[in-house]
Amino acid sequence: MEKKTPRPIVSAVMDDSSSVKVLIVNEEGQYLSGTATHWEFTEERCRARVFDYAQDHVADQLQLVRNAYRTVWIAVKLDPHEAYEFCDRCGARMTATYAWFSGKFFLCPGCRTQ
């Protein structure tokens, strides 16, 4: 009897032990933006909502969208060396000059005024 060697499982899911920041892109190449109560897609990459791949369970969320709506969204990994800050309230991406630190959180100009 021939002994079979187990084949490695290849997955399209990102596997990185560090914090991976991603953008969600739909089939038309638009970026997911907005807030938890009002999601929308935009052509403007700078308005895209930034997600933490592991903490936000992005793989699970993308699978839910695929199953429920029969559409494919993808996670696009951000370059970790980009000189951007992320709003801790809404996840917006901004240059460091626009970020405001409250002593506890980094906030974008929109969230700072709320």
C-alpha atoms as a PDB file:
ATOM      1  CA  MET A   1       0.000   0.000   0.000  1.00  0.00           C
ATOM      2  CA  GLU A   2       1.358   3.402  -1.016  1.00  0.00           C
ATOM      3  CA  LYS A   3       1.743   5.933   1.773  1.00  0.00           C
ATOM      4  CA  LYS A   4       0.265   9.305   0.853  1.00  0.00           C
ATOM      5  CA  THR A   5       1.936  12.511   1.934  1.00  0.00           C
ATOM      6  CA  PRO A   6      -0.544  15.136   3.064  1.00  0.00           C
ATOM      7  CA  ARG A   7      -0.738  18.045   0.663  1.00  0.00           C
ATOM      8  CA  PRO A   8      -0.519  21.540   2.091  1.00  0.00           C
ATOM      9  CA  ILE A   9      -3.753  23.515   2.076  1.00  0.00           C
ATOM     10  CA  VAL A  10      -3.533  26.602  -0.067  1.00  0.00           C
ATOM     11  CA  SER A  11      -5.759  29.456   1.058  1.00  0.00           C
ATOM     12  CA  ALA A  12      -6.595  32.808  -0.487  1.00  0.00           C
ATOM     13  CA  VAL A  13      -6.914  34.170   3.037  1.00  0.00           C
ATOM     14  CA  MET A  14      -4.054  36.377   4.222  1.00  0.00           C
ATOM     15  CA  ASP A  15      -1.987  34.823   6.955  1.00  0.00           C
ATOM     16  CA  ASP A  16       0.158  37.307   8.829  1.00  0.00           C
ATOM     17  CA  SER A  17       0.828  37.342  12.543  1.00  0.00           C
ATOM     18  CA  SER A  18       1.213  41.127  12.673  1.00  0.00           C
ATOM     19  CA  SER A  19      -1.562  43.681  12.359  1.00  0.00           C
ATOM     20  CA  VAL A  20      -2.511  43.847   8.684  1.00  0.00           C
ATOM     21  CA  LYS A  21      -4.504  46.863   7.507  1.00  0.00           C
ATOM     22  CA  VAL A  22      -6.699  46.370   4.440  1.00  0.00           C
ATOM     23  CA  LEU A  23      -9.193  48.150   2.214  1.00  0.00           C
ATOM     24  CA  ILE A  24     -12.279  46.364   0.873  1.00  0.00           C
ATOM     25  CA  VAL A  25     -12.812  46.602  -2.887  1.00  0.00           C
ATOM     26  CA  ASN A  26     -15.942  45.552  -4.790  1.00  0.00           C
ATOM     27  CA  GLU A  27     -16.205  44.058  -8.293  1.00  0.00           C
ATOM     28  CA  GLU A  28     -16.290  47.542  -9.863  1.00  0.00           C
ATOM     29  CA  GLY A  29     -13.024  48.535  -8.159  1.00  0.00           C
ATOM     30  CA  GLN A  30     -14.722  50.864  -5.679  1.00  0.00           C
ATOM     31  CA  TYR A  31     -13.648  51.117  -2.048  1.00  0.00           C
ATOM     32  CA  LEU A  32     -15.891  50.453   0.930  1.00  0.00           C
ATOM     33  CA  SER A  33     -16.314  53.617   2.983  1.00  0.00           C
ATOM     34  CA  GLY A  34     -18.617  55.040   5.589  1.00  0.00           C
ATOM     35  CA  THR A  35     -19.524  53.919   9.080  1.00  0.00           C
ATOM     36  CA  ALA A  36     -21.166  50.927  10.703  1.00  0.00           C
ATOM     37  CA  THR A  37     -24.569  52.554  10.250  1.00  0.00           C
ATOM     38  CA  HIS A  38     -24.067  53.892   6.720  1.00  0.00           C
ATOM     39  CA  TRP A  39     -21.832  51.873   4.376  1.00  0.00           C
ATOM     40  CA  GLU A  40     -21.227  52.936   0.780  1.00  0.00           C
ATOM     41  CA  PHE A  41     -18.686  52.496  -1.999  1.00  0.00           C
ATOM     42  CA  THR A  42     -16.528  55.265  -3.385  1.00  0.00           C
ATOM     43  CA  GLU A  43     -14.079  55.777  -6.220  1.00  0.00           C
ATOM     44  CA  GLU A  44     -11.901  57.854  -3.866  1.00  0.00           C
ATOM     45  CA  ARG A  45      -9.266  55.679  -2.233  1.00  0.00           C
ATOM     46  CA  CYS A  46      -8.570  58.337   0.402  1.00  0.00           C
ATOM     47  CA  ARG A  47     -12.172  57.950   1.702  1.00  0.00           C
ATOM     48  CA  ALA A  48     -11.896  54.170   2.008  1.00  0.00           C
ATOM     49  CA  ARG A  49     -12.498  52.643   5.410  1.00  0.00           C
ATOM     50  CA  VAL A  50      -9.407  50.904   6.766  1.00  0.00           C
ATOM     51  CA  PHE A  51      -9.929  47.540   8.453  1.00  0.00           C
ATOM     52  CA  ASP A  52      -7.671  45.421  10.623  1.00  0.00           C
ATOM     53  CA  TYR A  53      -7.710  42.084   8.805  1.00  0.00           C
ATOM     54  CA  ALA A  54      -7.707  39.915  11.941  1.00  0.00           C
ATOM     55  CA  GLN A  55      -9.544  42.070  14.492  1.00  0.00           C
ATOM     56  CA  ASP A  56     -12.345  42.978  12.076  1.00  0.00           C
ATOM     57  CA  HIS A  57     -12.704  39.346  10.887  1.00  0.00           C
ATOM     58  CA  VAL A  58     -12.400  40.465   7.275  1.00  0.00           C
ATOM     59  CA  ALA A  59     -12.177  36.949   5.804  1.00  0.00           C
ATOM     60  CA  ASP A  60     -15.427  35.970   7.540  1.00  0.00           C
ATOM     61  CA  GLN A  61     -17.159  39.175   6.456  1.00  0.00           C
ATOM     62  CA  LEU A  62     -16.115  38.702   2.824  1.00  0.00           C
ATOM     63  CA  GLN A  63     -17.420  35.147   2.909  1.00  0.00           C
ATOM     64  CA  LEU A  64     -20.762  36.362   4.318  1.00  0.00           C
ATOM     65  CA  VAL A  65     -21.070  38.864   1.458  1.00  0.00           C
ATOM     66  CA  ARG A  66     -20.212  36.160  -1.078  1.00  0.00           C
ATOM     67  CA  ASN A  67     -22.814  33.773   0.365  1.00  0.00           C
ATOM     68  CA  ALA A  68     -25.604  36.293   0.935  1.00  0.00           C
ATOM     69  CA  TYR A  69     -25.273  38.495  -2.158  1.00  0.00           C
ATOM     70  CA  ARG A  70     -23.366  36.304  -4.610  1.00  0.00           C
ATOM     71  CA  THR A  71     -20.799  39.046  -5.123  1.00  0.00           C
ATOM     72  CA  VAL A  72     -17.076  39.050  -4.555  1.00  0.00           C
ATOM     73  CA  TRP A  73     -15.313  41.713  -2.552  1.00  0.00           C
ATOM     74  CA  ILE A  74     -11.586  41.511  -1.908  1.00  0.00           C
ATOM     75  CA  ALA A  75      -9.261  42.751   0.801  1.00  0.00           C
ATOM     76  CA  VAL A  76      -6.352  44.830  -0.458  1.00  0.00           C
ATOM     77  CA  LYS A  77      -3.406  44.985   1.925  1.00  0.00           C
ATOM     78  CA  LEU A  78      -2.067  48.443   2.683  1.00  0.00           C
ATOM     79  CA  ASP A  79       1.667  49.010   2.567  1.00  0.00           C
ATOM     80  CA  PRO A  80       2.765  49.090   6.224  1.00  0.00           C
ATOM     81  CA  HIS A  81       5.302  51.800   5.377  1.00  0.00           C
ATOM     82  CA  GLU A  82       2.707  54.304   4.155  1.00  0.00           C
ATOM     83  CA  ALA A  83       2.966  57.449   6.244  1.00  0.00           C
ATOM     84  CA  TYR A  84      -0.655  57.567   7.318  1.00  0.00           C
ATOM     85  CA  GLU A  85      -2.540  57.578  10.576  1.00  0.00           C
ATOM     86  CA  PHE A  86      -5.919  55.936  10.994  1.00  0.00           C
ATOM     87  CA  CYS A  87      -8.828  57.463  12.875  1.00  0.00           C
ATOM     88  CA  ASP A  88      -9.597  55.292  15.885  1.00  0.00           C
ATOM     89  CA  ARG A  89     -13.293  56.189  15.673  1.00  0.00           C
ATOM     90  CA  CYS A  90     -14.203  55.847  11.973  1.00  0.00           C
ATOM     91  CA  GLY A  91     -11.087  54.215  10.500  1.00  0.00           C
ATOM     92  CA  ALA A  92     -10.468  56.994   7.968  1.00  0.00           C
ATOM     93  CA  ARG A  93      -6.959  57.279   6.636  1.00  0.00           C
ATOM     94  CA  MET A  94      -5.201  60.647   6.857  1.00  0.00           C
ATOM     95  CA  THR A  95      -1.746  62.117   6.714  1.00  0.00           C
ATOM     96  CA  ALA A  96      -0.130  62.693  10.083  1.00  0.00           C
ATOM     97  CA  THR A  97      -0.617  66.463   9.759  1.00  0.00           C
ATOM     98  CA  TYR A  98      -4.426  66.008   9.808  1.00  0.00           C
ATOM     99  CA  ALA A  99      -4.454  63.565  12.730  1.00  0.00           C
ATOM    100  CA  TRP A 100      -5.410  64.854  16.169  1.00  0.00           C
ATOM    101  CA  PHE A 101      -4.420  62.919  19.263  1.00  0.00           C
ATOM    102  CA  SER A 102      -6.890  63.241  22.131  1.00  0.00           C
ATOM    103  CA  GLY A 103      -4.507  61.744  24.657  1.00  0.00           C
ATOM    104  CA  LYS A 104      -6.113  58.363  24.081  1.00  0.00           C
ATOM    105  CA  PHE A 105      -7.191  58.197  20.414  1.00  0.00           C
ATOM    106  CA  PHE A 106      -6.100  59.429  16.994  1.00  0.00           C
ATOM    107  CA  LEU A 107      -9.035  61.253  15.392  1.00  0.00           C
ATOM    108  CA  CYS A 108      -9.671  62.623  11.921  1.00  0.00           C
ATOM    109  CA  PRO A 109     -10.982  66.193  11.531  1.00  0.00           C
ATOM    110  CA  GLY A 110     -14.577  64.931  11.115  1.00  0.00           C
ATOM    111  CA  CYS A 111     -14.569  62.828  14.289  1.00  0.00           C
ATOM    112  CA  ARG A 112     -12.756  65.504  16.269  1.00  0.00           C
ATOM    113  CA  THR A 113     -15.714  67.881  15.831  1.00  0.00           C
ATOM    114  CA  GLN A 114     -18.297  65.271  16.864  1.00  0.00           C
END
